[in-house]
Amino acid sequence: MFRTMKLEFYTTNSYTYIVAGNVTFKKKEQGYPQVNEVPYEKVEAQKFTERPYFVTFIDVDGEITNENLDEAYTKFCNFCKRKHEAKKIQNEKEMQDLEADFRALENEIKEGKVFEANVDNLSRILYYLNSMNWGVWRLPNMSVGYSAHQYDYNGRNVTTISLDEPINYYGEMVSKFKIGGSRNFLPKYRFIR
């Protein structure tokens, strides 16, 4: 009678680790895991070179052999590929939704709509403005006065809005918002979600 063993799969930027009870194997990767001829290397139990993140369990029948390790790794690679493709589809849908929202926002700006100064509208406007160079901005009308600026931070845009009057931002009155950059860049500005 075969006993089923659960293999745990972990990944880092460079390796896939397969933990089988008290035995750990590692396999060098390039990009996301793919079936290839790179051999498995037995390492000390759960001794990882980098902090890994857990991906999934895969069951194998019987003791660990090269055959069932290969079979489990192939299943793992297929799992990763499906997960990657699903994420890619999700990202494409989110990008299409964002582009549709940008077009709608652009039309509302052209029509002269006055936007209420609230978290949702500021988020939409900041994402929209951050998607383009400030030289082509057509700033929307808002219910309060404001100024908007754009900065270069390591080759990426950071866009800010400073309101003349603060608004309620999750229980706190805030008037300076930003999108992009790090927490240390323009620390007086709050990241908008």
C-alpha atoms as a PDB file:
ATOM      1  CA  MET A   1       0.000   0.000   0.000  1.00  0.00           C
ATOM      2  CA  PHE A   2       1.437   3.357  -1.068  1.00  0.00           C
ATOM      3  CA  ARG A   3       1.391   6.193   1.350  1.00  0.00           C
ATOM      4  CA  THR A   4       0.762   9.687   0.038  1.00  0.00           C
ATOM      5  CA  MET A   5       3.314  12.363   0.829  1.00  0.00           C
ATOM      6  CA  LYS A   6       2.637  16.078   0.624  1.00  0.00           C
ATOM      7  CA  LEU A   7       5.408  18.062  -1.026  1.00  0.00           C
ATOM      8  CA  GLU A   8       5.627  21.739  -0.127  1.00  0.00           C
ATOM      9  CA  PHE A   9       6.783  24.104  -2.860  1.00  0.00           C
ATOM     10  CA  TYR A  10       8.456  27.413  -2.015  1.00  0.00           C
ATOM     11  CA  THR A  11      10.044  29.928  -4.355  1.00  0.00           C
ATOM     12  CA  THR A  12      12.543  32.768  -4.154  1.00  0.00           C
ATOM     13  CA  ASN A  13      13.886  34.964  -6.933  1.00  0.00           C
ATOM     14  CA  SER A  14      16.467  32.308  -7.817  1.00  0.00           C
ATOM     15  CA  TYR A  15      15.283  28.915  -6.595  1.00  0.00           C
ATOM     16  CA  THR A  16      12.359  26.587  -6.154  1.00  0.00           C
ATOM     17  CA  TYR A  17      12.508  24.577  -2.943  1.00  0.00           C
ATOM     18  CA  ILE A  18      10.692  21.279  -2.576  1.00  0.00           C
ATOM     19  CA  VAL A  19      10.230  20.158   1.013  1.00  0.00           C
ATOM     20  CA  ALA A  20       9.414  16.471   1.476  1.00  0.00           C
ATOM     21  CA  GLY A  21       9.136  15.806   5.192  1.00  0.00           C
ATOM     22  CA  ASN A  22      12.623  16.347   6.585  1.00  0.00           C
ATOM     23  CA  VAL A  23      14.302  16.424   3.144  1.00  0.00           C
ATOM     24  CA  THR A  24      14.627  19.622   1.114  1.00  0.00           C
ATOM     25  CA  PHE A  25      15.606  19.923  -2.552  1.00  0.00           C
ATOM     26  CA  LYS A  26      16.419  23.113  -4.411  1.00  0.00           C
ATOM     27  CA  LYS A  27      16.370  23.837  -8.119  1.00  0.00           C
ATOM     28  CA  LYS A  28      17.845  26.909  -9.829  1.00  0.00           C
ATOM     29  CA  GLU A  29      15.255  28.926 -11.767  1.00  0.00           C
ATOM     30  CA  GLN A  30      15.295  31.625 -14.411  1.00  0.00           C
ATOM     31  CA  GLY A  31      12.030  33.519 -14.275  1.00  0.00           C
ATOM     32  CA  TYR A  32       8.996  31.626 -13.091  1.00  0.00           C
ATOM     33  CA  PRO A  33       9.391  27.834 -12.699  1.00  0.00           C
ATOM     34  CA  GLN A  34       9.583  25.854 -15.950  1.00  0.00           C
ATOM     35  CA  VAL A  35      10.306  22.217 -16.659  1.00  0.00           C
ATOM     36  CA  ASN A  36      13.976  21.969 -17.652  1.00  0.00           C
ATOM     37  CA  GLU A  37      17.065  19.835 -17.264  1.00  0.00           C
ATOM     38  CA  VAL A  38      18.477  21.717 -14.258  1.00  0.00           C
ATOM     39  CA  PRO A  39      19.097  19.052 -11.589  1.00  0.00           C
ATOM     40  CA  TYR A  40      17.705  19.060  -8.057  1.00  0.00           C
ATOM     41  CA  GLU A  41      20.176  19.620  -5.278  1.00  0.00           C
ATOM     42  CA  LYS A  42      19.606  18.141  -1.834  1.00  0.00           C
ATOM     43  CA  VAL A  43      20.132  20.779   0.872  1.00  0.00           C
ATOM     44  CA  GLU A  44      19.798  20.931   4.652  1.00  0.00           C
ATOM     45  CA  ALA A  45      16.184  20.635   5.777  1.00  0.00           C
ATOM     46  CA  GLN A  46      14.405  23.893   4.990  1.00  0.00           C
ATOM     47  CA  LYS A  47      17.662  25.818   4.601  1.00  0.00           C
ATOM     48  CA  PHE A  48      16.751  28.584   2.171  1.00  0.00           C
ATOM     49  CA  THR A  49      19.275  30.994   0.613  1.00  0.00           C
ATOM     50  CA  GLU A  50      16.684  33.800   0.517  1.00  0.00           C
ATOM     51  CA  ARG A  51      13.383  34.325   2.277  1.00  0.00           C
ATOM     52  CA  PRO A  52      10.973  32.192   0.249  1.00  0.00           C
ATOM     53  CA  TYR A  53       7.248  32.397  -0.120  1.00  0.00           C
ATOM     54  CA  PHE A  54       5.015  29.367   0.016  1.00  0.00           C
ATOM     55  CA  VAL A  55       3.265  28.501  -3.240  1.00  0.00           C
ATOM     56  CA  THR A  56       1.388  25.191  -2.916  1.00  0.00           C
ATOM     57  CA  PHE A  57       1.212  21.545  -1.788  1.00  0.00           C
ATOM     58  CA  ILE A  58       1.405  18.678  -4.284  1.00  0.00           C
ATOM     59  CA  ASP A  59       0.736  15.056  -3.313  1.00  0.00           C
ATOM     60  CA  VAL A  60       2.936  12.166  -4.475  1.00  0.00           C
ATOM     61  CA  ASP A  61       2.420   8.453  -3.947  1.00  0.00           C
ATOM     62  CA  GLY A  62       5.102   6.486  -2.156  1.00  0.00           C
ATOM     63  CA  GLU A  63       8.651   7.418  -1.326  1.00  0.00           C
ATOM     64  CA  ILE A  64      10.459  10.284  -3.025  1.00  0.00           C
ATOM     65  CA  THR A  65      12.160   9.178  -6.222  1.00  0.00           C
ATOM     66  CA  ASN A  66      13.537  11.174  -9.132  1.00  0.00           C
ATOM     67  CA  GLU A  67      10.485  10.101 -11.169  1.00  0.00           C
ATOM     68  CA  ASN A  68       7.822  11.287  -8.772  1.00  0.00           C
ATOM     69  CA  LEU A  69       9.864  14.392  -7.930  1.00  0.00           C
ATOM     70  CA  ASP A  70       9.912  15.212 -11.671  1.00  0.00           C
ATOM     71  CA  GLU A  71       6.192  14.495 -11.911  1.00  0.00           C
ATOM     72  CA  ALA A  72       5.399  16.740  -8.922  1.00  0.00           C
ATOM     73  CA  TYR A  73       7.678  19.475 -10.275  1.00  0.00           C
ATOM     74  CA  THR A  74       5.904  19.304 -13.642  1.00  0.00           C
ATOM     75  CA  LYS A  75       2.549  19.718 -11.852  1.00  0.00           C
ATOM     76  CA  PHE A  76       4.037  22.626  -9.920  1.00  0.00           C
ATOM     77  CA  CYS A  77       5.266  24.275 -13.134  1.00  0.00           C
ATOM     78  CA  ASN A  78       1.824  23.866 -14.725  1.00  0.00           C
ATOM     79  CA  PHE A  79       0.235  25.336 -11.586  1.00  0.00           C
ATOM     80  CA  CYS A  80       2.612  28.329 -11.765  1.00  0.00           C
ATOM     81  CA  LYS A  81       1.934  28.795 -15.469  1.00  0.00           C
ATOM     82  CA  ARG A  82      -1.853  28.793 -14.931  1.00  0.00           C
ATOM     83  CA  LYS A  83      -1.463  31.188 -12.008  1.00  0.00           C
ATOM     84  CA  HIS A  84       0.775  33.477 -14.114  1.00  0.00           C
ATOM     85  CA  GLU A  85      -1.691  33.414 -17.036  1.00  0.00           C
ATOM     86  CA  ALA A  86      -4.630  34.161 -14.712  1.00  0.00           C
ATOM     87  CA  LYS A  87      -2.708  37.090 -13.203  1.00  0.00           C
ATOM     88  CA  LYS A  88      -1.838  38.344 -16.690  1.00  0.00           C
ATOM     89  CA  ILE A  89      -5.515  38.213 -17.726  1.00  0.00           C
ATOM     90  CA  GLN A  90      -6.509  39.989 -14.503  1.00  0.00           C
ATOM     91  CA  ASN A  91      -3.873  42.698 -15.091  1.00  0.00           C
ATOM     92  CA  GLU A  92      -5.055  43.185 -18.695  1.00  0.00           C
ATOM     93  CA  LYS A  93      -8.664  43.531 -17.514  1.00  0.00           C
ATOM     94  CA  GLU A  94      -7.643  46.018 -14.826  1.00  0.00           C
ATOM     95  CA  MET A  95      -5.679  47.991 -17.446  1.00  0.00           C
ATOM     96  CA  GLN A  96      -8.696  48.034 -19.799  1.00  0.00           C
ATOM     97  CA  ASP A  97     -10.943  49.168 -16.936  1.00  0.00           C
ATOM     98  CA  LEU A  98      -8.457  51.890 -16.022  1.00  0.00           C
ATOM     99  CA  GLU A  99      -8.232  53.083 -19.641  1.00  0.00           C
ATOM    100  CA  ALA A 100     -12.043  53.160 -19.880  1.00  0.00           C
ATOM    101  CA  ASP A 101     -12.171  55.165 -16.635  1.00  0.00           C
ATOM    102  CA  PHE A 102      -9.503  57.541 -18.004  1.00  0.00           C
ATOM    103  CA  ARG A 103     -11.586  58.107 -21.178  1.00  0.00           C
ATOM    104  CA  ALA A 104     -14.714  58.763 -19.095  1.00  0.00           C
ATOM    105  CA  LEU A 105     -12.784  61.127 -16.813  1.00  0.00           C
ATOM    106  CA  GLU A 106     -11.307  62.932 -19.816  1.00  0.00           C
ATOM    107  CA  ASN A 107     -14.813  63.466 -21.224  1.00  0.00           C
ATOM    108  CA  GLU A 108     -16.088  64.736 -17.855  1.00  0.00           C
ATOM    109  CA  ILE A 109     -13.167  67.192 -17.690  1.00  0.00           C
ATOM    110  CA  LYS A 110     -13.866  68.417 -21.250  1.00  0.00           C
ATOM    111  CA  GLU A 111     -17.533  68.929 -20.338  1.00  0.00           C
ATOM    112  CA  GLY A 112     -16.452  71.126 -17.408  1.00  0.00           C
ATOM    113  CA  LYS A 113     -17.751  68.883 -14.630  1.00  0.00           C
ATOM    114  CA  VAL A 114     -16.933  70.102 -11.121  1.00  0.00           C
ATOM    115  CA  PHE A 115     -15.549  67.205  -9.087  1.00  0.00           C
ATOM    116  CA  GLU A 116     -16.324  66.952  -5.394  1.00  0.00           C
ATOM    117  CA  ALA A 117     -13.113  66.906  -3.346  1.00  0.00           C
ATOM    118  CA  ASN A 118     -13.306  63.398  -1.895  1.00  0.00           C
ATOM    119  CA  VAL A 119     -11.001  60.386  -1.691  1.00  0.00           C
ATOM    120  CA  ASP A 120     -12.543  58.550  -4.673  1.00  0.00           C
ATOM    121  CA  ASN A 121     -12.358  61.524  -7.025  1.00  0.00           C
ATOM    122  CA  LEU A 122      -8.843  62.479  -5.886  1.00  0.00           C
ATOM    123  CA  SER A 123      -7.703  58.916  -6.494  1.00  0.00           C
ATOM    124  CA  ARG A 124      -9.178  58.883 -10.018  1.00  0.00           C
ATOM    125  CA  ILE A 125      -7.703  62.282 -10.839  1.00  0.00           C
ATOM    126  CA  LEU A 126      -4.239  61.495  -9.449  1.00  0.00           C
ATOM    127  CA  TYR A 127      -4.022  58.171 -11.318  1.00  0.00           C
ATOM    128  CA  TYR A 128      -5.163  59.953 -14.493  1.00  0.00           C
ATOM    129  CA  LEU A 129      -2.683  62.831 -14.156  1.00  0.00           C
ATOM    130  CA  ASN A 130       0.163  60.489 -13.211  1.00  0.00           C
ATOM    131  CA  SER A 131      -0.392  58.514 -16.439  1.00  0.00           C
ATOM    132  CA  MET A 132       0.822  61.441 -18.564  1.00  0.00           C
ATOM    133  CA  ASN A 133       3.407  64.188 -18.619  1.00  0.00           C
ATOM    134  CA  TRP A 134       2.320  67.365 -16.845  1.00  0.00           C
ATOM    135  CA  GLY A 135       2.819  69.362 -20.053  1.00  0.00           C
ATOM    136  CA  VAL A 136      -0.353  67.886 -21.560  1.00  0.00           C
ATOM    137  CA  TRP A 137      -2.521  68.115 -18.452  1.00  0.00           C
ATOM    138  CA  ARG A 138      -5.957  69.617 -18.660  1.00  0.00           C
ATOM    139  CA  LEU A 139      -6.800  70.054 -14.989  1.00  0.00           C
ATOM    140  CA  PRO A 140     -10.334  69.298 -13.843  1.00  0.00           C
ATOM    141  CA  ASN A 141     -12.518  71.728 -11.908  1.00  0.00           C
ATOM    142  CA  MET A 142     -12.919  70.786  -8.248  1.00  0.00           C
ATOM    143  CA  SER A 143     -15.238  71.919  -5.479  1.00  0.00           C
ATOM    144  CA  VAL A 144     -12.229  73.387  -3.617  1.00  0.00           C
ATOM    145  CA  GLY A 145      -9.179  75.177  -4.896  1.00  0.00           C
ATOM    146  CA  TYR A 146      -6.070  73.078  -5.452  1.00  0.00           C
ATOM    147  CA  SER A 147      -2.687  72.874  -7.111  1.00  0.00           C
ATOM    148  CA  ALA A 148      -1.168  69.846  -8.839  1.00  0.00           C
ATOM    149  CA  HIS A 149       2.486  69.105  -9.511  1.00  0.00           C
ATOM    150  CA  GLN A 150       4.519  66.334 -11.039  1.00  0.00           C
ATOM    151  CA  TYR A 151       8.023  65.202 -10.098  1.00  0.00           C
ATOM    152  CA  ASP A 152      10.508  62.726 -11.470  1.00  0.00           C
ATOM    153  CA  TYR A 153      11.541  60.111  -8.929  1.00  0.00           C
ATOM    154  CA  ASN A 154      14.133  57.660 -10.283  1.00  0.00           C
ATOM    155  CA  GLY A 155      12.618  57.842 -13.759  1.00  0.00           C
ATOM    156  CA  ARG A 156       9.012  57.476 -12.608  1.00  0.00           C
ATOM    157  CA  ASN A 157       6.278  60.069 -12.239  1.00  0.00           C
ATOM    158  CA  VAL A 158       5.105  61.249  -8.841  1.00  0.00           C
ATOM    159  CA  THR A 159       2.006  63.425  -8.958  1.00  0.00           C
ATOM    160  CA  THR A 160       0.731  65.541  -6.071  1.00  0.00           C
ATOM    161  CA  ILE A 161      -2.406  67.505  -5.287  1.00  0.00           C
ATOM    162  CA  SER A 162      -2.545  70.129  -2.540  1.00  0.00           C
ATOM    163  CA  LEU A 163      -6.088  71.138  -1.596  1.00  0.00           C
ATOM    164  CA  ASP A 164      -6.863  74.602  -0.222  1.00  0.00           C
ATOM    165  CA  GLU A 165      -9.117  72.899   2.380  1.00  0.00           C
ATOM    166  CA  PRO A 166      -8.453  69.485   3.980  1.00  0.00           C
ATOM    167  CA  ILE A 167     -10.817  66.547   3.459  1.00  0.00           C
ATOM    168  CA  ASN A 168     -11.631  63.537   5.609  1.00  0.00           C
ATOM    169  CA  TYR A 169      -9.148  60.811   4.691  1.00  0.00           C
ATOM    170  CA  TYR A 170     -10.067  57.727   6.688  1.00  0.00           C
ATOM    171  CA  GLY A 171     -10.805  59.711   9.848  1.00  0.00           C
ATOM    172  CA  GLU A 172      -8.022  62.270   9.470  1.00  0.00           C
ATOM    173  CA  MET A 173      -8.190  65.738   7.915  1.00  0.00           C
ATOM    174  CA  VAL A 174      -5.617  65.835   5.090  1.00  0.00           C
ATOM    175  CA  SER A 175      -4.943  68.311   2.279  1.00  0.00           C
ATOM    176  CA  LYS A 176      -1.798  66.936   0.563  1.00  0.00           C
ATOM    177  CA  PHE A 177      -1.939  63.741  -1.534  1.00  0.00           C
ATOM    178  CA  LYS A 178       0.409  61.929  -3.875  1.00  0.00           C
ATOM    179  CA  ILE A 179       0.668  58.926  -6.108  1.00  0.00           C
ATOM    180  CA  GLY A 180       3.984  57.277  -6.949  1.00  0.00           C
ATOM    181  CA  GLY A 181       7.383  57.521  -5.310  1.00  0.00           C
ATOM    182  CA  SER A 182       8.431  56.170  -1.943  1.00  0.00           C
ATOM    183  CA  ARG A 183       7.344  57.055   1.574  1.00  0.00           C
ATOM    184  CA  ASN A 184      10.532  59.107   2.008  1.00  0.00           C
ATOM    185  CA  PHE A 185       9.913  61.180  -1.125  1.00  0.00           C
ATOM    186  CA  LEU A 186       7.645  64.146  -0.324  1.00  0.00           C
ATOM    187  CA  PRO A 187       6.805  62.795   3.152  1.00  0.00           C
ATOM    188  CA  LYS A 188       4.245  65.548   3.904  1.00  0.00           C
ATOM    189  CA  TYR A 189       2.010  64.085   1.183  1.00  0.00           C
ATOM    190  CA  ARG A 190      -0.240  61.089   1.794  1.00  0.00           C
ATOM    191  CA  PHE A 191      -0.407  58.173  -0.608  1.00  0.00           C
ATOM    192  CA  ILE A 192      -3.877  57.920  -2.030  1.00  0.00           C
ATOM    193  CA  ARG A 193      -5.438  54.488  -2.493  1.00  0.00           C
END
